[in-house]
Structures are given as structure tokens and as C-alpha cells.
N, C-alpha and C. Protein backbone atom coordinates (compact mmCIF):
# COMPACT_ATOMS: atom_id res chain seq x y z
N UNK A 1 94.91 77.97 160.78
CA UNK A 1 95.30 78.52 162.14
C UNK A 1 94.69 79.95 162.23
N UNK A 2 94.01 80.27 163.42
CA UNK A 2 93.51 81.50 163.53
C UNK A 2 94.44 82.05 164.66
N UNK A 3 94.80 83.27 164.38
CA UNK A 3 95.71 84.15 165.32
C UNK A 3 94.81 85.40 165.80
N UNK A 4 94.63 85.54 167.10
CA UNK A 4 93.94 86.75 167.42
C UNK A 4 94.80 87.88 167.96
N UNK A 5 94.57 89.03 167.80
CA UNK A 5 95.32 90.21 168.20
C UNK A 5 94.42 91.28 168.97
N UNK A 6 94.90 92.01 169.84
CA UNK A 6 94.17 93.14 170.47
C UNK A 6 94.90 94.23 169.50
N UNK A 7 93.95 95.24 169.07
CA UNK A 7 94.53 96.30 168.18
C UNK A 7 94.02 97.57 168.73
N UNK A 8 95.10 98.38 169.06
CA UNK A 8 94.84 99.65 169.78
C UNK A 8 95.42 100.75 169.00
N UNK A 9 94.56 102.10 168.90
CA UNK A 9 94.95 103.18 168.34
C UNK A 9 94.31 103.39 167.01
N UNK A 10 93.37 102.70 166.62
CA UNK A 10 92.60 102.78 165.38
C UNK A 10 91.88 104.13 165.65
N UNK A 11 91.66 105.04 164.58
CA UNK A 11 90.79 106.24 164.81
C UNK A 11 89.43 106.09 164.52
N UNK A 12 89.14 105.24 163.63
CA UNK A 12 87.67 105.13 163.07
C UNK A 12 87.52 103.61 162.35
N UNK A 13 86.39 103.50 162.08
CA UNK A 13 86.04 102.26 161.40
C UNK A 13 86.36 102.12 160.02
N UNK A 14 86.40 103.30 159.21
CA UNK A 14 86.97 103.35 157.98
C UNK A 14 88.34 103.05 157.85
N UNK A 15 89.22 103.41 158.84
CA UNK A 15 90.64 102.98 159.10
C UNK A 15 90.76 101.58 159.20
N UNK A 16 90.03 101.01 160.16
CA UNK A 16 89.98 99.56 160.32
C UNK A 16 89.63 98.70 159.08
N UNK A 17 88.50 99.28 158.26
CA UNK A 17 88.40 98.61 157.18
C UNK A 17 89.45 98.62 155.90
N UNK A 18 90.14 99.87 155.93
CA UNK A 18 91.23 99.91 154.97
C UNK A 18 92.35 98.95 155.38
N UNK A 19 92.59 99.03 156.61
CA UNK A 19 93.67 98.02 157.18
C UNK A 19 93.52 96.74 156.83
N UNK A 20 92.12 96.38 157.14
CA UNK A 20 91.85 94.87 156.94
C UNK A 20 91.93 94.63 155.35
N UNK A 21 91.67 95.49 154.58
CA UNK A 21 91.82 95.28 153.09
C UNK A 21 93.28 95.09 152.61
N UNK A 22 94.17 95.80 153.43
CA UNK A 22 95.53 95.87 153.15
C UNK A 22 96.19 94.52 153.65
N UNK A 23 95.68 93.96 154.80
CA UNK A 23 96.15 92.78 155.38
C UNK A 23 95.83 91.53 154.53
N UNK A 24 94.53 91.60 153.98
CA UNK A 24 94.05 90.50 153.22
C UNK A 24 94.80 90.26 151.89
N UNK A 25 95.64 91.36 151.59
CA UNK A 25 96.49 91.33 150.32
C UNK A 25 97.73 90.52 150.63
N UNK A 26 98.12 90.24 151.85
CA UNK A 26 99.29 89.64 152.24
C UNK A 26 99.41 88.29 151.84
N UNK A 27 100.53 87.77 151.15
CA UNK A 27 100.63 86.35 150.95
C UNK A 27 100.84 85.55 152.02
N UNK A 28 99.95 84.53 152.04
CA UNK A 28 99.75 83.61 153.35
C UNK A 28 98.57 83.90 154.21
N UNK A 29 98.01 84.93 154.13
CA UNK A 29 96.79 85.35 154.85
C UNK A 29 95.59 84.64 154.00
N UNK A 30 94.85 83.85 154.81
CA UNK A 30 93.72 83.14 154.30
C UNK A 30 92.38 84.19 154.36
N UNK A 31 92.34 84.61 155.60
CA UNK A 31 91.26 85.62 155.90
C UNK A 31 91.68 86.42 157.10
N UNK A 32 91.26 87.77 156.97
CA UNK A 32 91.57 88.75 158.08
C UNK A 32 90.30 89.53 158.35
N UNK A 33 90.05 89.85 159.71
CA UNK A 33 88.77 90.52 159.91
C UNK A 33 89.29 91.59 161.23
N UNK A 34 88.74 92.75 161.16
CA UNK A 34 89.24 93.71 162.19
C UNK A 34 87.94 94.33 162.69
N UNK A 35 87.66 94.34 163.88
CA UNK A 35 86.57 94.99 164.62
C UNK A 35 86.94 96.20 165.28
N UNK A 36 86.48 97.31 164.74
CA UNK A 36 86.92 98.48 165.32
C UNK A 36 86.29 98.81 166.72
N UNK A 37 85.02 98.35 167.09
CA UNK A 37 84.47 98.42 168.23
C UNK A 37 84.83 97.60 169.34
N UNK A 38 85.39 96.52 169.09
CA UNK A 38 86.02 95.58 170.11
C UNK A 38 87.43 95.60 170.22
N UNK A 39 88.00 96.31 169.17
CA UNK A 39 89.66 96.42 169.09
C UNK A 39 90.22 95.10 168.93
N UNK A 40 89.58 94.27 168.03
CA UNK A 40 90.18 92.90 167.86
C UNK A 40 90.55 92.61 166.47
N UNK A 41 91.46 91.83 166.04
CA UNK A 41 91.74 91.41 164.77
C UNK A 41 92.00 90.05 164.88
N UNK A 42 91.32 89.19 164.05
CA UNK A 42 91.65 87.85 163.68
C UNK A 42 92.06 87.55 162.32
N UNK A 43 93.15 86.85 162.10
CA UNK A 43 93.59 86.40 160.94
C UNK A 43 93.84 84.92 160.89
N UNK A 44 93.59 84.42 159.70
CA UNK A 44 93.77 82.97 159.55
C UNK A 44 94.87 82.72 158.43
N UNK A 45 95.63 81.67 158.80
CA UNK A 45 96.74 81.51 157.91
C UNK A 45 97.33 80.03 158.24
N UNK A 46 98.15 79.41 157.51
CA UNK A 46 98.70 78.07 157.48
C UNK A 46 99.59 78.09 158.85
N UNK A 47 99.68 77.01 159.49
CA UNK A 47 100.43 76.90 160.70
C UNK A 47 101.88 77.17 160.51
N UNK A 48 102.34 76.59 159.52
CA UNK A 48 103.68 76.59 159.04
C UNK A 48 104.24 78.17 158.63
N UNK A 49 103.31 78.96 158.27
CA UNK A 49 103.47 80.34 157.73
C UNK A 49 103.22 81.39 158.71
N UNK A 50 102.78 81.02 160.01
CA UNK A 50 102.32 82.02 161.13
C UNK A 50 103.35 83.15 161.26
N UNK A 51 104.58 82.76 161.65
CA UNK A 51 105.52 83.75 162.15
C UNK A 51 105.91 84.70 160.96
N UNK A 52 106.07 84.07 159.71
CA UNK A 52 106.18 84.98 158.56
C UNK A 52 104.96 85.87 158.28
N UNK A 53 103.69 85.28 158.30
CA UNK A 53 102.54 86.20 158.13
C UNK A 53 102.54 87.20 159.22
N UNK A 54 102.77 87.00 160.42
CA UNK A 54 102.55 87.98 161.65
C UNK A 54 103.69 89.10 161.24
N UNK A 55 104.81 88.73 160.92
CA UNK A 55 105.79 89.77 160.55
C UNK A 55 105.40 90.71 159.47
N UNK A 56 104.90 90.19 158.42
CA UNK A 56 104.27 90.96 157.30
C UNK A 56 103.27 91.88 157.68
N UNK A 57 102.33 91.38 158.73
CA UNK A 57 101.23 92.11 159.05
C UNK A 57 101.73 93.29 159.98
N UNK A 58 102.66 93.05 160.68
CA UNK A 58 103.28 94.15 161.63
C UNK A 58 103.78 95.35 160.68
N UNK A 59 104.49 94.85 159.56
CA UNK A 59 105.10 95.97 158.65
C UNK A 59 104.00 96.71 157.97
N UNK A 60 102.93 95.94 157.66
CA UNK A 60 101.72 96.79 156.96
C UNK A 60 101.15 97.70 157.89
N UNK A 61 100.94 97.27 159.10
CA UNK A 61 100.08 98.04 160.07
C UNK A 61 101.11 99.42 160.28
N UNK A 62 102.37 99.11 160.62
CA UNK A 62 103.26 100.33 160.73
C UNK A 62 103.21 101.29 159.55
N UNK A 63 103.17 100.75 158.44
CA UNK A 63 103.11 101.60 157.24
C UNK A 63 101.78 102.18 157.04
N UNK A 64 100.72 101.67 157.24
CA UNK A 64 99.28 102.26 156.97
C UNK A 64 98.81 103.01 158.14
N UNK A 65 99.14 102.54 159.40
CA UNK A 65 98.58 103.14 160.63
C UNK A 65 99.78 103.20 161.71
N UNK A 66 100.65 104.17 161.62
CA UNK A 66 101.73 104.06 162.39
C UNK A 66 101.52 104.28 163.99
N UNK A 67 100.31 104.72 164.37
CA UNK A 67 100.17 104.94 165.73
C UNK A 67 99.37 103.57 166.41
N UNK A 68 99.11 102.66 165.68
CA UNK A 68 98.37 101.42 165.89
C UNK A 68 99.30 100.50 166.60
N UNK A 69 98.96 99.75 167.64
CA UNK A 69 99.75 98.77 168.34
C UNK A 69 98.89 97.43 168.12
N UNK A 70 99.59 96.14 168.06
CA UNK A 70 99.13 94.98 168.06
C UNK A 70 99.64 94.19 169.23
N UNK A 71 98.82 93.42 169.73
CA UNK A 71 99.36 92.51 170.84
C UNK A 71 98.59 91.23 170.67
N UNK A 72 99.42 90.20 170.43
CA UNK A 72 98.97 88.77 170.12
C UNK A 72 98.30 88.26 171.26
N UNK A 73 97.18 87.73 171.21
CA UNK A 73 96.41 87.03 172.36
C UNK A 73 96.70 85.61 172.50
């Protein structure tokens, strides 16, 4: 299952790449990609793990980039 987010508040492309690497380490995340230019993040996970994975992603984002906000599309 692919889940799309609007991601706001990233300062640079390097921050986006670092955040993407951290999110890919989360158990349950099959694939993650962040586009700094379009302010979009797409993650892929199993349907039955979606809520748990999204919760973990929110924690990682707050830890790594406290000023960033995510909005599920």
C-alpha cells in the first residue's frame, strides 16, 4: 500500500535525503521517497501495518526535523 503525504518545512534537499534514509530504517516501511521540490513524501508499507508505520514515521520526523509538518493525502 502506498501512502502519500504533503511535507512542509524542510529546509533543504540534504535534509529531505537524511529524513528519507531515517524513514527507510523503520520496521514495516518497504520503500520511502521524499521530494524536496514538490514537498511530497510517498511511503510503501503493508496494508495491515499502515497505522503503526505512520505513527513511527511521525515520531522520526519530529525527532529529526521538529519544524516539519506532515499531512496525509
